[in-house]
Amino acid sequence: MREPERDQSRLEDILSAINCVEEYTKNLTETQLKEDRLRLHATIYNVQIIGEAIYKLTKEFKQEHPKLETIVYV
């Protein structure tokens, strides 16, 4: 069972990963990102962190924040 008290740290992980993605991709075109394998892999890694953290959020948290599903699955 997932612990509700961990939701806060998961949200912090999500924000941290978002900040990393923004930093790694700032001022890059899609082509430039694809050509820079190190940045591309770092970006992919952080997107995976975001996905895992969202998956691990408690059911209660997701029910309290129904817009989350809309944002995540669009």
PDB file of N, CA and C in Angstrom:
ATOM      1  N   MET A   1       0.840  -1.187   0.000  1.00  0.00           N
ATOM      2  CA  MET A   1       0.000   0.000   0.000  1.00  0.00           C
ATOM      3  C   MET A   1       0.886   1.252   0.000  1.00  0.00           C
ATOM      4  N   ARG A   2       0.489   2.201  -0.768  1.00  0.00           N
ATOM      5  CA  ARG A   2       1.243   3.454  -0.855  1.00  0.00           C
ATOM      6  C   ARG A   2       0.924   4.346   0.333  1.00  0.00           C
ATOM      7  N   GLU A   3       1.938   5.011   0.832  1.00  0.00           N
ATOM      8  CA  GLU A   3       1.775   5.860   2.008  1.00  0.00           C
ATOM      9  C   GLU A   3       1.426   7.291   1.601  1.00  0.00           C
ATOM     10  N   PRO A   4       0.315   7.824   2.112  1.00  0.00           N
ATOM     11  CA  PRO A   4      -0.070   9.199   1.784  1.00  0.00           C
ATOM     12  C   PRO A   4       0.991  10.227   2.174  1.00  0.00           C
ATOM     13  N   GLU A   5       1.734   9.954   3.233  1.00  0.00           N
ATOM     14  CA  GLU A   5       2.750  10.916   3.670  1.00  0.00           C
ATOM     15  C   GLU A   5       3.899  11.050   2.668  1.00  0.00           C
ATOM     16  N   ARG A   6       4.022  10.112   1.747  1.00  0.00           N
ATOM     17  CA  ARG A   6       5.064  10.178   0.722  1.00  0.00           C
ATOM     18  C   ARG A   6       4.632  10.987  -0.498  1.00  0.00           C
ATOM     19  N   ASP A   7       3.356  11.326  -0.604  1.00  0.00           N
ATOM     20  CA  ASP A   7       2.878  12.095  -1.758  1.00  0.00           C
ATOM     21  C   ASP A   7       3.640  13.411  -1.907  1.00  0.00           C
ATOM     22  N   GLN A   8       3.916  14.082  -0.803  1.00  0.00           N
ATOM     23  CA  GLN A   8       4.631  15.354  -0.855  1.00  0.00           C
ATOM     24  C   GLN A   8       6.017  15.169  -1.484  1.00  0.00           C
ATOM     25  N   SER A   9       6.752  14.160  -1.077  1.00  0.00           N
ATOM     26  CA  SER A   9       8.094  13.950  -1.650  1.00  0.00           C
ATOM     27  C   SER A   9       8.003  13.542  -3.116  1.00  0.00           C
ATOM     28  N   ARG A  10       6.957  12.828  -3.472  1.00  0.00           N
ATOM     29  CA  ARG A  10       6.776  12.466  -4.886  1.00  0.00           C
ATOM     30  C   ARG A  10       6.507  13.709  -5.728  1.00  0.00           C
ATOM     31  N   LEU A  11       5.705  14.622  -5.195  1.00  0.00           N
ATOM     32  CA  LEU A  11       5.438  15.877  -5.908  1.00  0.00           C
ATOM     33  C   LEU A  11       6.721  16.694  -6.046  1.00  0.00           C
ATOM     34  N   GLU A  12       7.537  16.699  -5.013  1.00  0.00           N
ATOM     35  CA  GLU A  12       8.822  17.402  -5.087  1.00  0.00           C
ATOM     36  C   GLU A  12       9.729  16.769  -6.138  1.00  0.00           C
ATOM     37  N   ASP A  13       9.713  15.429  -6.226  1.00  0.00           N
ATOM     38  CA  ASP A  13      10.489  14.736  -7.262  1.00  0.00           C
ATOM     39  C   ASP A  13      10.011  15.129  -8.655  1.00  0.00           C
ATOM     40  N   ILE A  14       8.694  15.234  -8.814  1.00  0.00           N
ATOM     41  CA  ILE A  14       8.117  15.624 -10.102  1.00  0.00           C
ATOM     42  C   ILE A  14       8.574  17.029 -10.484  1.00  0.00           C
ATOM     43  N   LEU A  15       8.483  17.953  -9.548  1.00  0.00           N
ATOM     44  CA  LEU A  15       8.903  19.336  -9.830  1.00  0.00           C
ATOM     45  C   LEU A  15      10.394  19.415 -10.145  1.00  0.00           C
ATOM     46  N   SER A  16      11.191  18.674  -9.412  1.00  0.00           N
ATOM     47  CA  SER A  16      12.628  18.668  -9.654  1.00  0.00           C
ATOM     48  C   SER A  16      12.939  18.135 -11.053  1.00  0.00           C
ATOM     49  N   ALA A  17      12.276  17.052 -11.431  1.00  0.00           N
ATOM     50  CA  ALA A  17      12.496  16.464 -12.752  1.00  0.00           C
ATOM     51  C   ALA A  17      12.032  17.408 -13.855  1.00  0.00           C
ATOM     52  N   ILE A  18      10.919  18.098 -13.641  1.00  0.00           N
ATOM     53  CA  ILE A  18      10.433  19.077 -14.617  1.00  0.00           C
ATOM     54  C   ILE A  18      11.471  20.180 -14.802  1.00  0.00           C
ATOM     55  N   ASN A  19      12.020  20.663 -13.693  1.00  0.00           N
ATOM     56  CA  ASN A  19      13.053  21.701 -13.769  1.00  0.00           C
ATOM     57  C   ASN A  19      14.274  21.219 -14.546  1.00  0.00           C
ATOM     58  N   CYS A  20      14.659  19.972 -14.342  1.00  0.00           N
ATOM     59  CA  CYS A  20      15.794  19.411 -15.083  1.00  0.00           C
ATOM     60  C   CYS A  20      15.495  19.361 -16.579  1.00  0.00           C
ATOM     61  N   VAL A  21      14.319  18.894 -16.937  1.00  0.00           N
ATOM     62  CA  VAL A  21      13.937  18.811 -18.354  1.00  0.00           C
ATOM     63  C   VAL A  21      13.967  20.205 -18.970  1.00  0.00           C
ATOM     64  N   GLU A  22      13.429  21.177 -18.260  1.00  0.00           N
ATOM     65  CA  GLU A  22      13.438  22.547 -18.778  1.00  0.00           C
ATOM     66  C   GLU A  22      14.865  23.048 -18.963  1.00  0.00           C
ATOM     67  N   GLU A  23      15.721  22.768 -18.009  1.00  0.00           N
ATOM     68  CA  GLU A  23      17.113  23.208 -18.091  1.00  0.00           C
ATOM     69  C   GLU A  23      17.839  22.527 -19.253  1.00  0.00           C
ATOM     70  N   TYR A  24      17.645  21.226 -19.391  1.00  0.00           N
ATOM     71  CA  TYR A  24      18.348  20.465 -20.429  1.00  0.00           C
ATOM     72  C   TYR A  24      17.889  20.822 -21.840  1.00  0.00           C
ATOM     73  N   THR A  25      16.639  21.244 -21.976  1.00  0.00           N
ATOM     74  CA  THR A  25      16.087  21.477 -23.313  1.00  0.00           C
ATOM     75  C   THR A  25      15.941  22.956 -23.662  1.00  0.00           C
ATOM     76  N   LYS A  26      16.311  23.825 -22.740  1.00  0.00           N
ATOM     77  CA  LYS A  26      16.158  25.261 -22.961  1.00  0.00           C
ATOM     78  C   LYS A  26      16.900  25.702 -24.227  1.00  0.00           C
ATOM     79  N   ASN A  27      16.198  26.415 -25.068  1.00  0.00           N
ATOM     80  CA  ASN A  27      16.746  26.989 -26.308  1.00  0.00           C
ATOM     81  C   ASN A  27      17.210  25.942 -27.324  1.00  0.00           C
ATOM     82  N   LEU A  28      16.763  24.710 -27.195  1.00  0.00           N
ATOM     83  CA  LEU A  28      17.128  23.682 -28.169  1.00  0.00           C
ATOM     84  C   LEU A  28      15.937  23.372 -29.063  1.00  0.00           C
ATOM     85  N   THR A  29      16.222  23.137 -30.318  1.00  0.00           N
ATOM     86  CA  THR A  29      15.178  22.636 -31.211  1.00  0.00           C
ATOM     87  C   THR A  29      15.088  21.127 -31.000  1.00  0.00           C
ATOM     88  N   GLU A  30      14.051  20.533 -31.518  1.00  0.00           N
ATOM     89  CA  GLU A  30      13.901  19.082 -31.422  1.00  0.00           C
ATOM     90  C   GLU A  30      15.088  18.379 -32.089  1.00  0.00           C
ATOM     91  N   THR A  31      15.505  18.897 -33.232  1.00  0.00           N
ATOM     92  CA  THR A  31      16.640  18.305 -33.953  1.00  0.00           C
ATOM     93  C   THR A  31      17.919  18.390 -33.125  1.00  0.00           C
ATOM     94  N   GLN A  32      18.158  19.541 -32.516  1.00  0.00           N
ATOM     95  CA  GLN A  32      19.354  19.701 -31.692  1.00  0.00           C
ATOM     96  C   GLN A  32      19.336  18.735 -30.505  1.00  0.00           C
ATOM     97  N   LEU A  33      18.172  18.565 -29.896  1.00  0.00           N
ATOM     98  CA  LEU A  33      18.058  17.646 -28.770  1.00  0.00           C
ATOM     99  C   LEU A  33      18.350  16.218 -29.220  1.00  0.00           C
ATOM    100  N   LYS A  34      17.803  15.827 -30.348  1.00  0.00           N
ATOM    101  CA  LYS A  34      18.038  14.467 -30.850  1.00  0.00           C
ATOM    102  C   LYS A  34      19.508  14.223 -31.163  1.00  0.00           C
ATOM    103  N   GLU A  35      20.203  15.264 -31.591  1.00  0.00           N
ATOM    104  CA  GLU A  35      21.612  15.118 -31.939  1.00  0.00           C
ATOM    105  C   GLU A  35      22.522  15.111 -30.709  1.00  0.00           C
ATOM    106  N   ASP A  36      22.055  15.638 -29.604  1.00  0.00           N
ATOM    107  CA  ASP A  36      22.825  15.680 -28.367  1.00  0.00           C
ATOM    108  C   ASP A  36      22.368  14.509 -27.484  1.00  0.00           C
ATOM    109  N   ARG A  37      23.002  13.370 -27.685  1.00  0.00           N
ATOM    110  CA  ARG A  37      22.557  12.142 -27.016  1.00  0.00           C
ATOM    111  C   ARG A  37      22.573  12.253 -25.494  1.00  0.00           C
ATOM    112  N   LEU A  38      23.546  12.939 -24.947  1.00  0.00           N
ATOM    113  CA  LEU A  38      23.630  13.065 -23.495  1.00  0.00           C
ATOM    114  C   LEU A  38      22.419  13.830 -22.949  1.00  0.00           C
ATOM    115  N   ARG A  39      22.099  14.961 -23.566  1.00  0.00           N
ATOM    116  CA  ARG A  39      20.920  15.728 -23.130  1.00  0.00           C
ATOM    117  C   ARG A  39      19.630  14.951 -23.376  1.00  0.00           C
ATOM    118  N   LEU A  40      19.563  14.270 -24.506  1.00  0.00           N
ATOM    119  CA  LEU A  40      18.376  13.481 -24.828  1.00  0.00           C
ATOM    120  C   LEU A  40      18.152  12.400 -23.775  1.00  0.00           C
ATOM    121  N   HIS A  41      19.191  11.675 -23.439  1.00  0.00           N
ATOM    122  CA  HIS A  41      19.050  10.599 -22.456  1.00  0.00           C
ATOM    123  C   HIS A  41      18.739  11.148 -21.069  1.00  0.00           C
ATOM    124  N   ALA A  42      19.339  12.278 -20.707  1.00  0.00           N
ATOM    125  CA  ALA A  42      19.032  12.907 -19.417  1.00  0.00           C
ATOM    126  C   ALA A  42      17.569  13.355 -19.375  1.00  0.00           C
ATOM    127  N   THR A  43      17.086  13.866 -20.490  1.00  0.00           N
ATOM    128  CA  THR A  43      15.691  14.296 -20.572  1.00  0.00           C
ATOM    129  C   THR A  43      14.754  13.103 -20.446  1.00  0.00           C
ATOM    130  N   ILE A  44      15.047  12.043 -21.177  1.00  0.00           N
ATOM    131  CA  ILE A  44      14.223  10.834 -21.116  1.00  0.00           C
ATOM    132  C   ILE A  44      14.201  10.273 -19.693  1.00  0.00           C
ATOM    133  N   TYR A  45      15.357  10.243 -19.051  1.00  0.00           N
ATOM    134  CA  TYR A  45      15.460   9.745 -17.679  1.00  0.00           C
ATOM    135  C   TYR A  45      14.539  10.538 -16.748  1.00  0.00           C
ATOM    136  N   ASN A  46      14.543  11.856 -16.882  1.00  0.00           N
ATOM    137  CA  ASN A  46      13.703  12.683 -16.016  1.00  0.00           C
ATOM    138  C   ASN A  46      12.226  12.529 -16.323  1.00  0.00           C
ATOM    139  N   VAL A  47      11.876  12.297 -17.573  1.00  0.00           N
ATOM    140  CA  VAL A  47      10.479  12.024 -17.919  1.00  0.00           C
ATOM    141  C   VAL A  47      10.050  10.706 -17.264  1.00  0.00           C
ATOM    142  N   GLN A  48      10.946   9.731 -17.221  1.00  0.00           N
ATOM    143  CA  GLN A  48      10.640   8.471 -16.541  1.00  0.00           C
ATOM    144  C   GLN A  48      10.426   8.686 -15.040  1.00  0.00           C
ATOM    145  N   ILE A  49      11.245   9.534 -14.442  1.00  0.00           N
ATOM    146  CA  ILE A  49      11.070   9.852 -13.019  1.00  0.00           C
ATOM    147  C   ILE A  49       9.691  10.456 -12.783  1.00  0.00           C
ATOM    148  N   ILE A  50       9.291  11.372 -13.658  1.00  0.00           N
ATOM    149  CA  ILE A  50       7.974  12.004 -13.538  1.00  0.00           C
ATOM    150  C   ILE A  50       6.878  10.940 -13.619  1.00  0.00           C
ATOM    151  N   GLY A  51       6.976  10.071 -14.603  1.00  0.00           N
ATOM    152  CA  GLY A  51       5.967   9.028 -14.777  1.00  0.00           C
ATOM    153  C   GLY A  51       5.875   8.097 -13.579  1.00  0.00           C
ATOM    154  N   GLU A  52       7.015   7.672 -13.058  1.00  0.00           N
ATOM    155  CA  GLU A  52       7.013   6.787 -11.892  1.00  0.00           C
ATOM    156  C   GLU A  52       6.435   7.474 -10.666  1.00  0.00           C
ATOM    157  N   ALA A  53       6.815   8.728 -10.460  1.00  0.00           N
ATOM    158  CA  ALA A  53       6.313   9.460  -9.293  1.00  0.00           C
ATOM    159  C   ALA A  53       4.807   9.655  -9.380  1.00  0.00           C
ATOM    160  N   ILE A  54       4.308   9.964 -10.563  1.00  0.00           N
ATOM    161  CA  ILE A  54       2.861  10.117 -10.741  1.00  0.00           C
ATOM    162  C   ILE A  54       2.161   8.791 -10.483  1.00  0.00           C
ATOM    163  N   TYR A  55       2.721   7.711 -11.011  1.00  0.00           N
ATOM    164  CA  TYR A  55       2.138   6.383 -10.817  1.00  0.00           C
ATOM    165  C   TYR A  55       2.053   6.031  -9.327  1.00  0.00           C
ATOM    166  N   LYS A  56       3.057   6.448  -8.554  1.00  0.00           N
ATOM    167  CA  LYS A  56       3.130   6.083  -7.145  1.00  0.00           C
ATOM    168  C   LYS A  56       2.318   6.994  -6.222  1.00  0.00           C
ATOM    169  N   LEU A  57       1.742   8.067  -6.765  1.00  0.00           N
ATOM    170  CA  LEU A  57       0.872   8.895  -5.937  1.00  0.00           C
ATOM    171  C   LEU A  57      -0.301   8.049  -5.456  1.00  0.00           C
ATOM    172  N   THR A  58      -0.744   8.300  -4.250  1.00  0.00           N
ATOM    173  CA  THR A  58      -1.832   7.498  -3.699  1.00  0.00           C
ATOM    174  C   THR A  58      -3.142   7.728  -4.446  1.00  0.00           C
ATOM    175  N   LYS A  59      -3.990   6.729  -4.365  1.00  0.00           N
ATOM    176  CA  LYS A  59      -5.313   6.817  -4.978  1.00  0.00           C
ATOM    177  C   LYS A  59      -6.092   7.989  -4.379  1.00  0.00           C
ATOM    178  N   GLU A  60      -5.939   8.197  -3.091  1.00  0.00           N
ATOM    179  CA  GLU A  60      -6.634   9.294  -2.413  1.00  0.00           C
ATOM    180  C   GLU A  60      -6.192  10.640  -2.974  1.00  0.00           C
ATOM    181  N   PHE A  61      -4.895  10.799  -3.184  1.00  0.00           N
ATOM    182  CA  PHE A  61      -4.384  12.057  -3.737  1.00  0.00           C
ATOM    183  C   PHE A  61      -4.948  12.281  -5.134  1.00  0.00           C
ATOM    184  N   LYS A  62      -4.937  11.242  -5.943  1.00  0.00           N
ATOM    185  CA  LYS A  62      -5.458  11.357  -7.310  1.00  0.00           C
ATOM    186  C   LYS A  62      -6.953  11.689  -7.307  1.00  0.00           C
ATOM    187  N   GLN A  63      -7.697  11.136  -6.354  1.00  0.00           N
ATOM    188  CA  GLN A  63      -9.127  11.437  -6.263  1.00  0.00           C
ATOM    189  C   GLN A  63      -9.358  12.883  -5.821  1.00  0.00           C
ATOM    190  N   GLU A  64      -8.472  13.395  -4.964  1.00  0.00           N
ATOM    191  CA  GLU A  64      -8.586  14.772  -4.505  1.00  0.00           C
ATOM    192  C   GLU A  64      -8.183  15.771  -5.589  1.00  0.00           C
ATOM    193  N   HIS A  65      -7.440  15.307  -6.589  1.00  0.00           N
ATOM    194  CA  HIS A  65      -6.942  16.172  -7.660  1.00  0.00           C
ATOM    195  C   HIS A  65      -7.282  15.547  -9.015  1.00  0.00           C
ATOM    196  N   PRO A  66      -8.563  15.532  -9.377  1.00  0.00           N
ATOM    197  CA  PRO A  66      -8.988  14.854 -10.603  1.00  0.00           C
ATOM    198  C   PRO A  66      -8.407  15.431 -11.884  1.00  0.00           C
ATOM    199  N   LYS A  67      -7.994  16.701 -11.862  1.00  0.00           N
ATOM    200  CA  LYS A  67      -7.411  17.289 -13.061  1.00  0.00           C
ATOM    201  C   LYS A  67      -6.060  16.652 -13.407  1.00  0.00           C
ATOM    202  N   LEU A  68      -5.454  16.013 -12.441  1.00  0.00           N
ATOM    203  CA  LEU A  68      -4.164  15.362 -12.666  1.00  0.00           C
ATOM    204  C   LEU A  68      -4.251  14.344 -13.792  1.00  0.00           C
ATOM    205  N   GLU A  69      -5.294  13.539 -13.804  1.00  0.00           N
ATOM    206  CA  GLU A  69      -5.447  12.546 -14.866  1.00  0.00           C
ATOM    207  C   GLU A  69      -5.535  13.203 -16.222  1.00  0.00           C
ATOM    208  N   THR A  70      -6.258  14.302 -16.307  1.00  0.00           N
ATOM    209  CA  THR A  70      -6.394  15.017 -17.567  1.00  0.00           C
ATOM    210  C   THR A  70      -5.046  15.509 -18.057  1.00  0.00           C
ATOM    211  N   ILE A  71      -4.258  16.041 -17.149  1.00  0.00           N
ATOM    212  CA  ILE A  71      -2.938  16.577 -17.504  1.00  0.00           C
ATOM    213  C   ILE A  71      -2.006  15.455 -17.917  1.00  0.00           C
ATOM    214  N   VAL A  72      -2.004  14.382 -17.177  1.00  0.00           N
ATOM    215  CA  VAL A  72      -1.047  13.290 -17.387  1.00  0.00           C
ATOM    216  C   VAL A  72      -1.356  12.497 -18.642  1.00  0.00           C
ATOM    217  N   TYR A  73      -2.616  12.256 -18.926  1.00  0.00           N
ATOM    218  CA  TYR A  73      -2.967  11.359 -20.011  1.00  0.00           C
ATOM    219  C   TYR A  73      -3.314  12.053 -21.309  1.00  0.00           C
ATOM    220  N   VAL A  74      -3.072  13.342 -21.399  1.00  0.00           N
ATOM    221  CA  VAL A  74      -3.370  14.069 -22.643  1.00  0.00           C
ATOM    222  C   VAL A  74      -2.233  13.892 -23.608  1.00  0.00           C
TER     223      VAL A  74
END
